[in-house]
């Protein structure tokens, strides 16, 4: 009986790990970082940070990114932006709701 229960547990556990990749809440890599919508999100993040900090930033490029399905889509992007003549790397997080409303939730400098 114990062996039978163990076998059932192993089968269920391995099945759960197969399905966990598509479960809402997990982060998934963005395959096409040059997609116009991804660039729109990155530009929104840079513009929003510029308004918050007063520092003039301009988007250079998106290096990588991930999305997370929540009540909308959470974007976590690694990007470069220019501050005057200096180009720096940042991580920005933007939430886009189903009605396309966006909000910047994080913008931090990376080493």
N, C-alpha and C. Protein backbone atom coordinates (compact mmCIF):
# COMPACT_ATOMS: atom_id res chain seq x y z
N UNK A 1 0.82 -1.20 0.00
CA UNK A 1 0.00 0.00 0.00
C UNK A 1 0.86 1.26 0.00
N UNK A 2 1.95 1.26 0.81
CA UNK A 2 2.83 2.42 0.85
C UNK A 2 3.49 2.64 -0.50
N UNK A 3 3.89 1.58 -1.18
CA UNK A 3 4.51 1.70 -2.49
C UNK A 3 3.52 2.28 -3.49
N UNK A 4 2.28 1.85 -3.44
CA UNK A 4 1.24 2.35 -4.34
C UNK A 4 1.03 3.85 -4.12
N UNK A 5 0.97 4.30 -2.88
CA UNK A 5 0.81 5.72 -2.57
C UNK A 5 2.01 6.52 -3.05
N UNK A 6 3.20 5.97 -2.88
CA UNK A 6 4.41 6.65 -3.34
C UNK A 6 4.41 6.82 -4.85
N UNK A 7 4.02 5.79 -5.58
CA UNK A 7 3.97 5.86 -7.04
C UNK A 7 2.97 6.92 -7.49
N UNK A 8 1.81 6.98 -6.86
CA UNK A 8 0.81 7.99 -7.20
C UNK A 8 1.37 9.39 -6.92
N UNK A 9 2.04 9.56 -5.80
CA UNK A 9 2.63 10.85 -5.46
C UNK A 9 3.66 11.28 -6.51
N UNK A 10 4.54 10.38 -6.92
CA UNK A 10 5.56 10.70 -7.91
C UNK A 10 4.92 11.08 -9.24
N UNK A 11 3.90 10.36 -9.67
CA UNK A 11 3.22 10.66 -10.93
C UNK A 11 2.55 12.03 -10.86
N UNK A 12 1.86 12.33 -9.76
CA UNK A 12 1.21 13.63 -9.61
C UNK A 12 2.22 14.76 -9.55
N UNK A 13 3.30 14.57 -8.81
CA UNK A 13 4.32 15.61 -8.69
C UNK A 13 4.97 15.90 -10.04
N UNK A 14 5.29 14.88 -10.81
CA UNK A 14 5.91 15.11 -12.11
C UNK A 14 4.93 15.76 -13.07
N UNK A 15 3.64 15.46 -12.95
CA UNK A 15 2.64 16.11 -13.80
C UNK A 15 2.53 17.59 -13.48
N UNK A 16 2.60 17.93 -12.20
CA UNK A 16 2.51 19.33 -11.80
C UNK A 16 3.68 20.14 -12.35
N UNK A 17 4.87 19.55 -12.37
CA UNK A 17 6.03 20.30 -12.86
C UNK A 17 5.92 20.56 -14.36
N UNK A 18 5.25 19.70 -15.11
CA UNK A 18 5.06 19.91 -16.53
C UNK A 18 4.13 21.10 -16.77
N UNK A 19 3.08 21.24 -15.96
CA UNK A 19 2.10 22.30 -16.15
C UNK A 19 2.52 23.62 -15.54
N UNK A 20 3.50 23.65 -14.65
CA UNK A 20 3.84 24.88 -13.94
C UNK A 20 4.42 25.95 -14.85
N UNK A 21 4.95 25.60 -16.02
CA UNK A 21 5.56 26.60 -16.89
C UNK A 21 4.53 27.59 -17.42
N UNK A 22 3.30 27.19 -17.65
CA UNK A 22 2.30 28.08 -18.22
C UNK A 22 1.34 28.65 -17.20
N UNK A 23 1.59 28.46 -15.94
CA UNK A 23 0.69 28.92 -14.89
C UNK A 23 0.83 30.43 -14.72
N UNK A 24 -0.29 31.17 -14.65
CA UNK A 24 -0.20 32.60 -14.41
C UNK A 24 0.59 32.87 -13.13
N UNK A 25 1.37 33.93 -13.16
CA UNK A 25 2.19 34.29 -12.01
C UNK A 25 3.66 34.02 -12.23
N UNK A 26 4.00 33.09 -13.14
CA UNK A 26 5.40 32.80 -13.43
C UNK A 26 5.94 33.74 -14.50
N UNK A 27 7.23 33.99 -14.47
CA UNK A 27 7.87 34.86 -15.46
C UNK A 27 8.25 34.06 -16.68
N UNK A 28 8.02 34.63 -17.87
CA UNK A 28 8.38 34.01 -19.15
C UNK A 28 9.23 35.00 -19.94
N UNK A 29 10.29 34.50 -20.59
CA UNK A 29 11.14 35.41 -21.37
C UNK A 29 10.39 35.99 -22.57
N UNK A 30 10.72 37.22 -22.91
CA UNK A 30 10.17 37.84 -24.12
C UNK A 30 11.05 37.39 -25.27
N UNK A 31 10.45 36.74 -26.24
CA UNK A 31 11.23 36.18 -27.34
C UNK A 31 11.69 37.25 -28.32
N UNK A 32 10.86 38.26 -28.59
CA UNK A 32 11.21 39.29 -29.56
C UNK A 32 11.26 40.64 -28.85
N UNK A 33 12.45 41.02 -28.38
CA UNK A 33 12.58 42.28 -27.65
C UNK A 33 12.50 43.50 -28.57
N UNK A 34 12.49 43.27 -29.87
CA UNK A 34 12.34 44.37 -30.83
C UNK A 34 10.89 44.57 -31.24
N UNK A 35 9.97 43.80 -30.65
CA UNK A 35 8.55 43.94 -30.93
C UNK A 35 8.12 45.38 -30.60
N UNK A 36 7.35 46.02 -31.48
CA UNK A 36 6.94 47.41 -31.23
C UNK A 36 6.24 47.62 -29.88
N UNK A 37 5.47 46.65 -29.42
CA UNK A 37 4.79 46.81 -28.13
C UNK A 37 5.80 46.79 -26.98
N UNK A 38 6.81 45.95 -27.06
CA UNK A 38 7.85 45.90 -26.03
C UNK A 38 8.59 47.24 -26.01
N UNK A 39 8.90 47.76 -27.19
CA UNK A 39 9.58 49.06 -27.27
C UNK A 39 8.70 50.18 -26.71
N UNK A 40 7.39 50.08 -26.93
CA UNK A 40 6.45 51.06 -26.37
C UNK A 40 6.48 51.02 -24.84
N UNK A 41 6.51 49.81 -24.28
CA UNK A 41 6.56 49.66 -22.82
C UNK A 41 7.87 50.24 -22.28
N UNK A 42 8.98 49.96 -22.97
CA UNK A 42 10.29 50.49 -22.54
C UNK A 42 10.30 52.00 -22.59
N UNK A 43 9.76 52.57 -23.66
CA UNK A 43 9.72 54.03 -23.79
C UNK A 43 8.84 54.64 -22.70
N UNK A 44 7.72 53.97 -22.40
CA UNK A 44 6.86 54.44 -21.31
C UNK A 44 7.65 54.46 -19.99
N UNK A 45 8.42 53.39 -19.72
CA UNK A 45 9.18 53.31 -18.48
C UNK A 45 10.19 54.44 -18.37
N UNK A 46 10.92 54.71 -19.45
CA UNK A 46 11.93 55.77 -19.43
C UNK A 46 11.27 57.13 -19.25
N UNK A 47 10.20 57.38 -19.96
CA UNK A 47 9.49 58.66 -19.85
C UNK A 47 8.91 58.86 -18.45
N UNK A 48 8.31 57.80 -17.89
CA UNK A 48 7.74 57.89 -16.53
C UNK A 48 8.85 58.15 -15.51
N UNK A 49 9.99 57.48 -15.65
CA UNK A 49 11.10 57.70 -14.71
C UNK A 49 11.65 59.11 -14.85
N UNK A 50 11.70 59.60 -16.06
CA UNK A 50 12.16 60.96 -16.30
C UNK A 50 11.27 61.97 -15.59
N UNK A 51 9.96 61.75 -15.65
CA UNK A 51 9.01 62.64 -14.97
C UNK A 51 9.17 62.57 -13.45
N UNK A 52 9.40 61.36 -12.93
CA UNK A 52 9.54 61.18 -11.49
C UNK A 52 10.84 61.77 -10.95
N UNK A 53 11.92 61.57 -11.69
CA UNK A 53 13.24 61.95 -11.17
C UNK A 53 13.71 63.33 -11.63
N UNK A 54 13.15 63.82 -12.74
CA UNK A 54 13.61 65.09 -13.29
C UNK A 54 14.89 64.95 -14.10
N UNK A 55 15.44 63.74 -14.20
CA UNK A 55 16.65 63.49 -14.97
C UNK A 55 16.25 63.20 -16.41
N UNK A 56 16.89 63.88 -17.36
CA UNK A 56 16.56 63.68 -18.77
C UNK A 56 17.17 62.37 -19.26
N UNK A 57 16.31 61.41 -19.57
CA UNK A 57 16.74 60.11 -20.07
C UNK A 57 16.18 59.90 -21.46
N UNK A 58 16.92 59.16 -22.27
CA UNK A 58 16.39 58.73 -23.57
C UNK A 58 16.72 57.26 -23.77
N UNK A 59 15.74 56.51 -24.22
CA UNK A 59 15.89 55.08 -24.43
C UNK A 59 16.90 54.82 -25.54
N UNK A 60 17.83 53.89 -25.29
CA UNK A 60 18.80 53.48 -26.30
C UNK A 60 18.36 52.14 -26.89
N UNK A 61 18.21 51.12 -26.03
CA UNK A 61 17.77 49.81 -26.50
C UNK A 61 17.25 48.95 -25.36
N UNK A 62 16.45 47.95 -25.74
CA UNK A 62 16.00 46.93 -24.79
C UNK A 62 16.96 45.75 -24.94
N UNK A 63 17.55 45.32 -23.85
CA UNK A 63 18.52 44.22 -23.87
C UNK A 63 17.84 42.87 -23.70
N UNK A 64 16.90 42.81 -22.74
CA UNK A 64 16.18 41.56 -22.48
C UNK A 64 14.90 41.90 -21.72
N UNK A 65 14.04 40.90 -21.59
CA UNK A 65 12.81 41.14 -20.85
C UNK A 65 12.05 39.88 -20.55
N UNK A 66 11.14 40.01 -19.60
CA UNK A 66 10.26 38.92 -19.20
C UNK A 66 8.87 39.50 -18.99
N UNK A 67 7.88 38.62 -19.11
CA UNK A 67 6.51 39.01 -18.80
C UNK A 67 5.95 38.06 -17.75
N UNK A 68 4.96 38.56 -17.05
CA UNK A 68 4.27 37.80 -16.01
C UNK A 68 2.79 38.12 -16.14
N UNK A 69 1.98 37.07 -16.28
CA UNK A 69 0.54 37.26 -16.39
C UNK A 69 -0.03 37.44 -14.99
N UNK A 70 -0.66 38.59 -14.78
CA UNK A 70 -1.34 38.89 -13.51
C UNK A 70 -2.70 39.45 -13.91
N UNK A 71 -3.22 40.42 -13.20
CA UNK A 71 -4.43 41.11 -13.65
C UNK A 71 -3.98 42.12 -14.68
N UNK A 72 -3.58 41.62 -15.82
CA UNK A 72 -2.92 42.38 -16.88
C UNK A 72 -1.60 41.69 -17.16
N UNK A 73 -0.59 42.46 -17.58
CA UNK A 73 0.73 41.89 -17.85
C UNK A 73 1.78 42.74 -17.15
N UNK A 74 2.67 42.07 -16.45
CA UNK A 74 3.79 42.70 -15.80
C UNK A 74 5.00 42.52 -16.71
N UNK A 75 5.65 43.61 -17.09
CA UNK A 75 6.85 43.57 -17.91
C UNK A 75 8.05 43.90 -17.04
N UNK A 76 9.09 43.07 -17.12
CA UNK A 76 10.35 43.36 -16.44
C UNK A 76 11.42 43.42 -17.54
N UNK A 77 11.93 44.63 -17.79
CA UNK A 77 12.84 44.85 -18.90
C UNK A 77 14.22 45.30 -18.41
N UNK A 78 15.25 44.81 -19.06
CA UNK A 78 16.60 45.33 -18.88
C UNK A 78 16.86 46.17 -20.12
N UNK A 79 17.21 47.43 -19.90
CA UNK A 79 17.38 48.35 -21.02
C UNK A 79 18.55 49.28 -20.76
N UNK A 80 18.96 49.95 -21.82
CA UNK A 80 19.94 51.01 -21.66
C UNK A 80 19.27 52.33 -22.02
N UNK A 81 19.65 53.36 -21.26
CA UNK A 81 19.13 54.70 -21.50
C UNK A 81 20.28 55.67 -21.35
N UNK A 82 20.16 56.75 -22.06
CA UNK A 82 21.21 57.76 -22.05
C UNK A 82 20.81 58.91 -21.14
N UNK A 83 21.73 59.27 -20.26
CA UNK A 83 21.58 60.41 -19.35
C UNK A 83 22.66 61.41 -19.76
N UNK A 84 22.29 62.35 -20.61
CA UNK A 84 23.29 63.26 -21.17
C UNK A 84 24.17 62.48 -22.14
N UNK A 85 25.47 62.42 -21.85
CA UNK A 85 26.38 61.68 -22.72
C UNK A 85 26.72 60.30 -22.14
N UNK A 86 26.13 59.96 -21.01
CA UNK A 86 26.42 58.69 -20.34
C UNK A 86 25.29 57.70 -20.58
N UNK A 87 25.65 56.49 -21.05
CA UNK A 87 24.67 55.43 -21.24
C UNK A 87 24.76 54.47 -20.05
N UNK A 88 23.60 54.20 -19.44
CA UNK A 88 23.55 53.33 -18.27
C UNK A 88 22.54 52.21 -18.51
N UNK A 89 22.73 51.12 -17.75
CA UNK A 89 21.82 49.98 -17.82
C UNK A 89 20.84 50.06 -16.65
N UNK A 90 19.57 49.78 -16.94
CA UNK A 90 18.51 49.84 -15.94
C UNK A 90 17.62 48.61 -16.02
N UNK A 91 16.95 48.33 -14.92
CA UNK A 91 15.86 47.35 -14.92
C UNK A 91 14.58 48.11 -14.61
N UNK A 92 13.61 47.98 -15.51
CA UNK A 92 12.33 48.67 -15.34
C UNK A 92 11.22 47.64 -15.24
N UNK A 93 10.25 47.93 -14.41
CA UNK A 93 9.08 47.06 -14.29
C UNK A 93 7.83 47.91 -14.51
N UNK A 94 7.01 47.46 -15.47
CA UNK A 94 5.79 48.17 -15.84
C UNK A 94 4.63 47.19 -15.82
N UNK A 95 3.51 47.61 -15.23
CA UNK A 95 2.28 46.83 -15.26
C UNK A 95 1.37 47.44 -16.30
N UNK A 96 0.86 46.60 -17.20
CA UNK A 96 -0.11 47.06 -18.19
C UNK A 96 -1.41 46.30 -17.94
N UNK A 97 -2.44 47.04 -17.61
CA UNK A 97 -3.75 46.45 -17.33
C UNK A 97 -4.46 46.11 -18.64
N UNK A 98 -5.57 45.37 -18.53
CA UNK A 98 -6.34 44.96 -19.71
C UNK A 98 -6.84 46.15 -20.52
N UNK A 99 -7.05 47.29 -19.88
CA UNK A 99 -7.53 48.48 -20.60
C UNK A 99 -6.36 49.30 -21.17
N UNK A 100 -5.17 48.72 -21.19
CA UNK A 100 -3.93 49.31 -21.71
C UNK A 100 -3.37 50.43 -20.84
N UNK A 101 -3.93 50.64 -19.65
CA UNK A 101 -3.35 51.61 -18.72
C UNK A 101 -2.03 51.03 -18.19
N UNK A 102 -1.00 51.86 -18.16
CA UNK A 102 0.33 51.42 -17.74
C UNK A 102 0.75 52.16 -16.47
N UNK A 103 1.53 51.47 -15.64
CA UNK A 103 2.13 52.15 -14.49
C UNK A 103 3.53 51.59 -14.25
N UNK A 104 4.44 52.49 -13.95
CA UNK A 104 5.81 52.13 -13.65
C UNK A 104 5.88 51.71 -12.18
N UNK A 105 6.32 50.49 -11.93
CA UNK A 105 6.39 50.01 -10.54
C UNK A 105 7.81 49.97 -10.01
N UNK A 106 8.79 49.98 -10.91
CA UNK A 106 10.20 49.95 -10.47
C UNK A 106 11.08 50.42 -11.61
N UNK A 107 12.13 51.15 -11.25
CA UNK A 107 13.13 51.58 -12.24
C UNK A 107 14.43 51.75 -11.47
N UNK A 108 15.38 50.85 -11.68
CA UNK A 108 16.62 50.93 -10.92
C UNK A 108 17.83 50.74 -11.82
N UNK A 109 18.90 51.38 -11.42
CA UNK A 109 20.16 51.28 -12.13
C UNK A 109 20.80 49.91 -11.86
N UNK A 110 21.40 49.35 -12.89
CA UNK A 110 22.10 48.08 -12.75
C UNK A 110 23.61 48.31 -12.88
N UNK A 111 24.40 47.48 -12.24
CA UNK A 111 25.86 47.64 -12.35
C UNK A 111 26.36 47.30 -13.75
